[in-house]
ModelCIF file with pLDDT and N, C-alpha, C, O atoms, coordinates in Angstrom:
data_MODEL
#
_entry.id   MODEL 
#
_entity.id                         1 
_entity.type                       polymer 
_entity.pdbx_number_of_molecules   1 
#
_entity_poly.entity_id                      1 
_entity_poly.type                           'polypeptide(L)' 
_entity_poly.nstd_linkage                   no 
_entity_poly.nstd_monomer                   no 
_entity_poly.pdbx_seq_one_letter_code       TERLADTIAALARQEVKKRVEKEIEEKAGHLKDALK 
_entity_poly.pdbx_seq_one_letter_code_can   TERLADTIAALARQEVKKRVEKEIEEKAGHLKDALK 
_entity_poly.pdbx_strand_id                 A 
#
loop_
_entity_poly_seq.entity_id 
_entity_poly_seq.num 
_entity_poly_seq.mon_id 
_entity_poly_seq.hetero 
1 1  THR n 
1 2  GLU n 
1 3  ARG n 
1 4  LEU n 
1 5  ALA n 
1 6  ASP n 
1 7  THR n 
1 8  ILE n 
1 9  ALA n 
1 10 ALA n 
1 11 LEU n 
1 12 ALA n 
1 13 ARG n 
1 14 GLN n 
1 15 GLU n 
1 16 VAL n 
1 17 LYS n 
1 18 LYS n 
1 19 ARG n 
1 20 VAL n 
1 21 GLU n 
1 22 LYS n 
1 23 GLU n 
1 24 ILE n 
1 25 GLU n 
1 26 GLU n 
1 27 LYS n 
1 28 ALA n 
1 29 GLY n 
1 30 HIS n 
1 31 LEU n 
1 32 LYS n 
1 33 ASP n 
1 34 ALA n 
1 35 LEU n 
1 36 LYS n 
#
_struct_asym.id          A 
_struct_asym.entity_id   1 
#
loop_
_ma_qa_metric.id 
_ma_qa_metric.mode 
_ma_qa_metric.name 
_ma_qa_metric.software_group_id 
_ma_qa_metric.type 
1 global pLDDT . pLDDT 
2 local  pLDDT . pLDDT 
#
_ma_qa_metric_global.metric_id      1 
_ma_qa_metric_global.metric_value   53.67 
_ma_qa_metric_global.model_id       1 
_ma_qa_metric_global.ordinal_id     1 
#
loop_
_ma_qa_metric_local.label_asym_id 
_ma_qa_metric_local.label_comp_id 
_ma_qa_metric_local.label_seq_id 
_ma_qa_metric_local.metric_id 
_ma_qa_metric_local.metric_value 
_ma_qa_metric_local.model_id 
_ma_qa_metric_local.ordinal_id 
A THR 1  2 68.00 1 1  
A GLU 2  2 70.00 1 2  
A ARG 3  2 67.00 1 3  
A LEU 4  2 66.00 1 4  
A ALA 5  2 66.00 1 5  
A ASP 6  2 67.00 1 6  
A THR 7  2 65.00 1 7  
A ILE 8  2 64.00 1 8  
A ALA 9  2 65.00 1 9  
A ALA 10 2 64.00 1 10 
A LEU 11 2 61.00 1 11 
A ALA 12 2 61.00 1 12 
A ARG 13 2 60.00 1 13 
A GLN 14 2 59.00 1 14 
A GLU 15 2 54.00 1 15 
A VAL 16 2 49.00 1 16 
A LYS 17 2 52.00 1 17 
A LYS 18 2 54.00 1 18 
A ARG 19 2 52.00 1 19 
A VAL 20 2 47.00 1 20 
A GLU 21 2 47.00 1 21 
A LYS 22 2 50.00 1 22 
A GLU 23 2 46.00 1 23 
A ILE 24 2 42.00 1 24 
A GLU 25 2 49.00 1 25 
A GLU 26 2 49.00 1 26 
A LYS 27 2 42.00 1 27 
A ALA 28 2 47.00 1 28 
A GLY 29 2 47.00 1 29 
A HIS 30 2 45.00 1 30 
A LEU 31 2 40.00 1 31 
A LYS 32 2 44.00 1 32 
A ASP 33 2 51.00 1 33 
A ALA 34 2 42.00 1 34 
A LEU 35 2 39.00 1 35 
A LYS 36 2 41.00 1 36 
#
loop_
_atom_site.group_PDB 
_atom_site.id 
_atom_site.type_symbol 
_atom_site.label_atom_id 
_atom_site.label_alt_id 
_atom_site.label_comp_id 
_atom_site.label_asym_id 
_atom_site.label_entity_id 
_atom_site.label_seq_id 
_atom_site.pdbx_PDB_ins_code 
_atom_site.Cartn_x 
_atom_site.Cartn_y 
_atom_site.Cartn_z 
_atom_site.occupancy 
_atom_site.B_iso_or_equiv 
_atom_site.pdbx_formal_charge 
_atom_site.auth_seq_id 
_atom_site.auth_comp_id 
_atom_site.auth_asym_id 
_atom_site.auth_atom_id 
_atom_site.pdbx_PDB_model_num 
ATOM 1   N N  . THR A 1 1  ? -77.207 -124.825 103.037 1.00 68.00 ? 1  THR A N  1 
ATOM 2   C CA . THR A 1 1  ? -78.518 -124.673 102.387 1.00 68.00 ? 1  THR A CA 1 
ATOM 3   C C  . THR A 1 1  ? -78.428 -123.890 101.090 1.00 68.00 ? 1  THR A C  1 
ATOM 4   O O  . THR A 1 1  ? -79.214 -124.122 100.171 1.00 68.00 ? 1  THR A O  1 
ATOM 5   N N  . GLU A 1 2  ? -77.479 -122.963 101.004 1.00 70.00 ? 2  GLU A N  1 
ATOM 6   C CA . GLU A 1 2  ? -77.358 -122.175 99.778  1.00 70.00 ? 2  GLU A CA 1 
ATOM 7   C C  . GLU A 1 2  ? -76.926 -123.053 98.607  1.00 70.00 ? 2  GLU A C  1 
ATOM 8   O O  . GLU A 1 2  ? -77.512 -122.992 97.526  1.00 70.00 ? 2  GLU A O  1 
ATOM 9   N N  . ARG A 1 3  ? -75.892 -123.871 98.832  1.00 67.00 ? 3  ARG A N  1 
ATOM 10  C CA . ARG A 1 3  ? -75.409 -124.735 97.752  1.00 67.00 ? 3  ARG A CA 1 
ATOM 11  C C  . ARG A 1 3  ? -76.277 -125.976 97.581  1.00 67.00 ? 3  ARG A C  1 
ATOM 12  O O  . ARG A 1 3  ? -76.233 -126.625 96.536  1.00 67.00 ? 3  ARG A O  1 
ATOM 13  N N  . LEU A 1 4  ? -77.074 -126.312 98.611  1.00 66.00 ? 4  LEU A N  1 
ATOM 14  C CA . LEU A 1 4  ? -77.961 -127.469 98.482  1.00 66.00 ? 4  LEU A CA 1 
ATOM 15  C C  . LEU A 1 4  ? -78.994 -127.234 97.387  1.00 66.00 ? 4  LEU A C  1 
ATOM 16  O O  . LEU A 1 4  ? -79.407 -128.177 96.711  1.00 66.00 ? 4  LEU A O  1 
ATOM 17  N N  . ALA A 1 5  ? -79.413 -125.983 97.208  1.00 66.00 ? 5  ALA A N  1 
ATOM 18  C CA . ALA A 1 5  ? -80.373 -125.669 96.136  1.00 66.00 ? 5  ALA A CA 1 
ATOM 19  C C  . ALA A 1 5  ? -79.793 -126.021 94.779  1.00 66.00 ? 5  ALA A C  1 
ATOM 20  O O  . ALA A 1 5  ? -80.502 -126.508 93.899  1.00 66.00 ? 5  ALA A O  1 
ATOM 21  N N  . ASP A 1 6  ? -78.492 -125.771 94.610  1.00 67.00 ? 6  ASP A N  1 
ATOM 22  C CA . ASP A 1 6  ? -77.856 -126.132 93.343  1.00 67.00 ? 6  ASP A CA 1 
ATOM 23  C C  . ASP A 1 6  ? -77.840 -127.641 93.158  1.00 67.00 ? 6  ASP A C  1 
ATOM 24  O O  . ASP A 1 6  ? -78.026 -128.146 92.051  1.00 67.00 ? 6  ASP A O  1 
ATOM 25  N N  . THR A 1 7  ? -77.612 -128.364 94.273  1.00 65.00 ? 7  THR A N  1 
ATOM 26  C CA . THR A 1 7  ? -77.615 -129.827 94.197  1.00 65.00 ? 7  THR A CA 1 
ATOM 27  C C  . THR A 1 7  ? -78.996 -130.347 93.808  1.00 65.00 ? 7  THR A C  1 
ATOM 28  O O  . THR A 1 7  ? -79.117 -131.236 92.965  1.00 65.00 ? 7  THR A O  1 
ATOM 29  N N  . ILE A 1 8  ? -80.044 -129.784 94.431  1.00 64.00 ? 8  ILE A N  1 
ATOM 30  C CA . ILE A 1 8  ? -81.416 -130.204 94.118  1.00 64.00 ? 8  ILE A CA 1 
ATOM 31  C C  . ILE A 1 8  ? -81.735 -129.898 92.666  1.00 64.00 ? 8  ILE A C  1 
ATOM 32  O O  . ILE A 1 8  ? -82.343 -130.717 91.977  1.00 64.00 ? 8  ILE A O  1 
ATOM 33  N N  . ALA A 1 9  ? -81.328 -128.716 92.190  1.00 65.00 ? 9  ALA A N  1 
ATOM 34  C CA . ALA A 1 9  ? -81.584 -128.356 90.793  1.00 65.00 ? 9  ALA A CA 1 
ATOM 35  C C  . ALA A 1 9  ? -80.873 -129.314 89.855  1.00 65.00 ? 9  ALA A C  1 
ATOM 36  O O  . ALA A 1 9  ? -81.417 -129.706 88.822  1.00 65.00 ? 9  ALA A O  1 
ATOM 37  N N  . ALA A 1 10 ? -79.641 -129.694 90.222  1.00 64.00 ? 10 ALA A N  1 
ATOM 38  C CA . ALA A 1 10 ? -78.896 -130.633 89.385  1.00 64.00 ? 10 ALA A CA 1 
ATOM 39  C C  . ALA A 1 10 ? -79.582 -131.985 89.346  1.00 64.00 ? 10 ALA A C  1 
ATOM 40  O O  . ALA A 1 10 ? -79.661 -132.619 88.294  1.00 64.00 ? 10 ALA A O  1 
ATOM 41  N N  . LEU A 1 11 ? -80.088 -132.436 90.519  1.00 61.00 ? 11 LEU A N  1 
ATOM 42  C CA . LEU A 1 11 ? -80.816 -133.704 90.560  1.00 61.00 ? 11 LEU A CA 1 
ATOM 43  C C  . LEU A 1 11 ? -82.089 -133.633 89.727  1.00 61.00 ? 11 LEU A C  1 
ATOM 44  O O  . LEU A 1 11 ? -82.454 -134.585 89.038  1.00 61.00 ? 11 LEU A O  1 
ATOM 45  N N  . ALA A 1 12 ? -82.769 -132.459 89.805  1.00 61.00 ? 12 ALA A N  1 
ATOM 46  C CA . ALA A 1 12 ? -83.999 -132.299 89.019  1.00 61.00 ? 12 ALA A CA 1 
ATOM 47  C C  . ALA A 1 12 ? -83.700 -132.348 87.531  1.00 61.00 ? 12 ALA A C  1 
ATOM 48  O O  . ALA A 1 12 ? -84.422 -132.988 86.766  1.00 61.00 ? 12 ALA A O  1 
ATOM 49  N N  . ARG A 1 13 ? -82.649 -131.679 87.129  1.00 60.00 ? 13 ARG A N  1 
ATOM 50  C CA . ARG A 1 13 ? -82.278 -131.714 85.715  1.00 60.00 ? 13 ARG A CA 1 
ATOM 51  C C  . ARG A 1 13 ? -81.912 -133.122 85.285  1.00 60.00 ? 13 ARG A C  1 
ATOM 52  O O  . ARG A 1 13 ? -82.222 -133.555 84.175  1.00 60.00 ? 13 ARG A O  1 
ATOM 53  N N  . GLN A 1 14 ? -81.228 -133.845 86.215  1.00 59.00 ? 14 GLN A N  1 
ATOM 54  C CA . GLN A 1 14 ? -80.860 -135.216 85.889  1.00 59.00 ? 14 GLN A CA 1 
ATOM 55  C C  . GLN A 1 14 ? -82.091 -136.096 85.752  1.00 59.00 ? 14 GLN A C  1 
ATOM 56  O O  . GLN A 1 14 ? -82.143 -136.974 84.890  1.00 59.00 ? 14 GLN A O  1 
ATOM 57  N N  . GLU A 1 15 ? -83.104 -135.854 86.622  1.00 54.00 ? 15 GLU A N  1 
ATOM 58  C CA . GLU A 1 15 ? -84.340 -136.639 86.559  1.00 54.00 ? 15 GLU A CA 1 
ATOM 59  C C  . GLU A 1 15 ? -85.088 -136.354 85.264  1.00 54.00 ? 15 GLU A C  1 
ATOM 60  O O  . GLU A 1 15 ? -85.568 -137.282 84.613  1.00 54.00 ? 15 GLU A O  1 
ATOM 61  N N  . VAL A 1 16 ? -85.194 -135.081 84.879  1.00 49.00 ? 16 VAL A N  1 
ATOM 62  C CA . VAL A 1 16 ? -85.868 -134.720 83.616  1.00 49.00 ? 16 VAL A CA 1 
ATOM 63  C C  . VAL A 1 16 ? -85.141 -135.355 82.438  1.00 49.00 ? 16 VAL A C  1 
ATOM 64  O O  . VAL A 1 16 ? -85.763 -135.873 81.511  1.00 49.00 ? 16 VAL A O  1 
ATOM 65  N N  . LYS A 1 17 ? -83.799 -135.303 82.493  1.00 52.00 ? 17 LYS A N  1 
ATOM 66  C CA . LYS A 1 17 ? -83.022 -135.880 81.415  1.00 52.00 ? 17 LYS A CA 1 
ATOM 67  C C  . LYS A 1 17 ? -83.292 -137.375 81.279  1.00 52.00 ? 17 LYS A C  1 
ATOM 68  O O  . LYS A 1 17 ? -83.403 -137.901 80.172  1.00 52.00 ? 17 LYS A O  1 
ATOM 69  N N  . LYS A 1 18 ? -83.395 -138.052 82.429  1.00 54.00 ? 18 LYS A N  1 
ATOM 70  C CA . LYS A 1 18 ? -83.654 -139.500 82.389  1.00 54.00 ? 18 LYS A CA 1 
ATOM 71  C C  . LYS A 1 18 ? -85.012 -139.803 81.777  1.00 54.00 ? 18 LYS A C  1 
ATOM 72  O O  . LYS A 1 18 ? -85.158 -140.738 80.990  1.00 54.00 ? 18 LYS A O  1 
ATOM 73  N N  . ARG A 1 19 ? -86.013 -138.993 82.154  1.00 52.00 ? 19 ARG A N  1 
ATOM 74  C CA . ARG A 1 19 ? -87.359 -139.224 81.607  1.00 52.00 ? 19 ARG A CA 1 
ATOM 75  C C  . ARG A 1 19 ? -87.372 -139.004 80.100  1.00 52.00 ? 19 ARG A C  1 
ATOM 76  O O  . ARG A 1 19 ? -87.972 -139.787 79.363  1.00 52.00 ? 19 ARG A O  1 
ATOM 77  N N  . VAL A 1 20 ? -86.713 -137.941 79.637  1.00 47.00 ? 20 VAL A N  1 
ATOM 78  C CA . VAL A 1 20 ? -86.667 -137.668 78.192  1.00 47.00 ? 20 VAL A CA 1 
ATOM 79  C C  . VAL A 1 20 ? -85.967 -138.805 77.471  1.00 47.00 ? 20 VAL A C  1 
ATOM 80  O O  . VAL A 1 20 ? -86.415 -139.272 76.423  1.00 47.00 ? 20 VAL A O  1 
ATOM 81  N N  . GLU A 1 21 ? -84.829 -139.251 78.068  1.00 47.00 ? 21 GLU A N  1 
ATOM 82  C CA . GLU A 1 21 ? -84.103 -140.347 77.436  1.00 47.00 ? 21 GLU A CA 1 
ATOM 83  C C  . GLU A 1 21 ? -84.949 -141.613 77.375  1.00 47.00 ? 21 GLU A C  1 
ATOM 84  O O  . GLU A 1 21 ? -84.873 -142.367 76.405  1.00 47.00 ? 21 GLU A O  1 
ATOM 85  N N  . LYS A 1 22 ? -85.767 -141.851 78.423  1.00 50.00 ? 22 LYS A N  1 
ATOM 86  C CA . LYS A 1 22 ? -86.606 -143.047 78.453  1.00 50.00 ? 22 LYS A CA 1 
ATOM 87  C C  . LYS A 1 22 ? -87.690 -142.988 77.385  1.00 50.00 ? 22 LYS A C  1 
ATOM 88  O O  . LYS A 1 22 ? -87.966 -143.977 76.706  1.00 50.00 ? 22 LYS A O  1 
ATOM 89  N N  . GLU A 1 23 ? -88.312 -141.788 77.245  1.00 46.00 ? 23 GLU A N  1 
ATOM 90  C CA . GLU A 1 23 ? -89.367 -141.638 76.245  1.00 46.00 ? 23 GLU A CA 1 
ATOM 91  C C  . GLU A 1 23 ? -88.790 -141.801 74.845  1.00 46.00 ? 23 GLU A C  1 
ATOM 92  O O  . GLU A 1 23 ? -89.388 -142.458 73.993  1.00 46.00 ? 23 GLU A O  1 
ATOM 93  N N  . ILE A 1 24 ? -87.634 -141.202 74.614  1.00 42.00 ? 24 ILE A N  1 
ATOM 94  C CA . ILE A 1 24 ? -86.999 -141.338 73.299  1.00 42.00 ? 24 ILE A CA 1 
ATOM 95  C C  . ILE A 1 24 ? -86.700 -142.791 73.005  1.00 42.00 ? 24 ILE A C  1 
ATOM 96  O O  . ILE A 1 24 ? -86.893 -143.281 71.892  1.00 42.00 ? 24 ILE A O  1 
ATOM 97  N N  . GLU A 1 25 ? -86.210 -143.481 74.063  1.00 49.00 ? 25 GLU A N  1 
ATOM 98  C CA . GLU A 1 25 ? -85.875 -144.893 73.872  1.00 49.00 ? 25 GLU A CA 1 
ATOM 99  C C  . GLU A 1 25 ? -87.111 -145.714 73.544  1.00 49.00 ? 25 GLU A C  1 
ATOM 100 O O  . GLU A 1 25 ? -87.059 -146.613 72.704  1.00 49.00 ? 25 GLU A O  1 
ATOM 101 N N  . GLU A 1 26 ? -88.268 -145.396 74.231  1.00 49.00 ? 26 GLU A N  1 
ATOM 102 C CA . GLU A 1 26 ? -89.506 -146.134 73.953  1.00 49.00 ? 26 GLU A CA 1 
ATOM 103 C C  . GLU A 1 26 ? -89.981 -145.874 72.529  1.00 49.00 ? 26 GLU A C  1 
ATOM 104 O O  . GLU A 1 26 ? -90.328 -146.803 71.800  1.00 49.00 ? 26 GLU A O  1 
ATOM 105 N N  . LYS A 1 27 ? -89.994 -144.566 72.132  1.00 42.00 ? 27 LYS A N  1 
ATOM 106 C CA . LYS A 1 27 ? -90.454 -144.241 70.772  1.00 42.00 ? 27 LYS A CA 1 
ATOM 107 C C  . LYS A 1 27 ? -89.492 -144.808 69.737  1.00 42.00 ? 27 LYS A C  1 
ATOM 108 O O  . LYS A 1 27 ? -89.912 -145.283 68.682  1.00 42.00 ? 27 LYS A O  1 
ATOM 109 N N  . ALA A 1 28 ? -88.240 -144.759 70.037  1.00 47.00 ? 28 ALA A N  1 
ATOM 110 C CA . ALA A 1 28 ? -87.272 -145.331 69.111  1.00 47.00 ? 28 ALA A CA 1 
ATOM 111 C C  . ALA A 1 28 ? -87.470 -146.826 68.985  1.00 47.00 ? 28 ALA A C  1 
ATOM 112 O O  . ALA A 1 28 ? -87.215 -147.418 67.936  1.00 47.00 ? 28 ALA A O  1 
ATOM 113 N N  . GLY A 1 29 ? -87.934 -147.432 70.081  1.00 47.00 ? 29 GLY A N  1 
ATOM 114 C CA . GLY A 1 29 ? -88.199 -148.868 70.039  1.00 47.00 ? 29 GLY A CA 1 
ATOM 115 C C  . GLY A 1 29 ? -89.343 -149.204 69.087  1.00 47.00 ? 29 GLY A C  1 
ATOM 116 O O  . GLY A 1 29 ? -89.222 -150.158 68.318  1.00 47.00 ? 29 GLY A O  1 
ATOM 117 N N  . HIS A 1 30 ? -90.462 -148.451 69.109  1.00 45.00 ? 30 HIS A N  1 
ATOM 118 C CA . HIS A 1 30 ? -91.589 -148.687 68.181  1.00 45.00 ? 30 HIS A CA 1 
ATOM 119 C C  . HIS A 1 30 ? -91.167 -148.468 66.737  1.00 45.00 ? 30 HIS A C  1 
ATOM 120 O O  . HIS A 1 30 ? -91.556 -149.210 65.835  1.00 45.00 ? 30 HIS A O  1 
ATOM 121 N N  . LEU A 1 31 ? -90.349 -147.417 66.540  1.00 40.00 ? 31 LEU A N  1 
ATOM 122 C CA . LEU A 1 31 ? -89.889 -147.143 65.183  1.00 40.00 ? 31 LEU A CA 1 
ATOM 123 C C  . LEU A 1 31 ? -89.005 -148.274 64.678  1.00 40.00 ? 31 LEU A C  1 
ATOM 124 O O  . LEU A 1 31 ? -89.049 -148.648 63.506  1.00 40.00 ? 31 LEU A O  1 
ATOM 125 N N  . LYS A 1 32 ? -88.204 -148.807 65.591  1.00 44.00 ? 32 LYS A N  1 
ATOM 126 C CA . LYS A 1 32 ? -87.313 -149.904 65.218  1.00 44.00 ? 32 LYS A CA 1 
ATOM 127 C C  . LYS A 1 32 ? -88.115 -151.143 64.817  1.00 44.00 ? 32 LYS A C  1 
ATOM 128 O O  . LYS A 1 32 ? -87.755 -151.827 63.859  1.00 44.00 ? 32 LYS A O  1 
ATOM 129 N N  . ASP A 1 33 ? -89.219 -151.445 65.554  1.00 51.00 ? 33 ASP A N  1 
ATOM 130 C CA . ASP A 1 33 ? -90.057 -152.605 65.221  1.00 51.00 ? 33 ASP A CA 1 
ATOM 131 C C  . ASP A 1 33 ? -90.723 -152.420 63.856  1.00 51.00 ? 33 ASP A C  1 
ATOM 132 O O  . ASP A 1 33 ? -90.839 -153.363 63.073  1.00 51.00 ? 33 ASP A O  1 
ATOM 133 N N  . ALA A 1 34 ? -91.164 -151.164 63.584  1.00 42.00 ? 34 ALA A N  1 
ATOM 134 C CA . ALA A 1 34 ? -91.838 -150.897 62.296  1.00 42.00 ? 34 ALA A CA 1 
ATOM 135 C C  . ALA A 1 34 ? -90.884 -151.099 61.137  1.00 42.00 ? 34 ALA A C  1 
ATOM 136 O O  . ALA A 1 34 ? -91.242 -151.664 60.104  1.00 42.00 ? 34 ALA A O  1 
ATOM 137 N N  . LEU A 1 35 ? -89.688 -150.638 61.324  1.00 39.00 ? 35 LEU A N  1 
ATOM 138 C CA . LEU A 1 35 ? -88.698 -150.781 60.271  1.00 39.00 ? 35 LEU A CA 1 
ATOM 139 C C  . LEU A 1 35 ? -88.362 -152.256 60.025  1.00 39.00 ? 35 LEU A C  1 
ATOM 140 O O  . LEU A 1 35 ? -88.170 -152.675 58.884  1.00 39.00 ? 35 LEU A O  1 
ATOM 141 N N  . LYS A 1 36 ? -88.295 -153.024 61.096  1.00 41.00 ? 36 LYS A N  1 
ATOM 142 C CA . LYS A 1 36 ? -88.016 -154.456 60.947  1.00 41.00 ? 36 LYS A CA 1 
ATOM 143 C C  . LYS A 1 36 ? -89.115 -155.135 60.134  1.00 41.00 ? 36 LYS A C  1 
ATOM 144 O O  . LYS A 1 36 ? -89.055 -156.343 59.903  1.00 41.00 ? 36 LYS A O  1 
#
């Protein structure tokens, strides 16, 4: 249970990272269409 908290925190950080990457990708997509 002690080290499981570290695993959960790592998963949470990974989930936040994925969401940020997804939002960046979406915004980058609109910018890409405008430039085209």
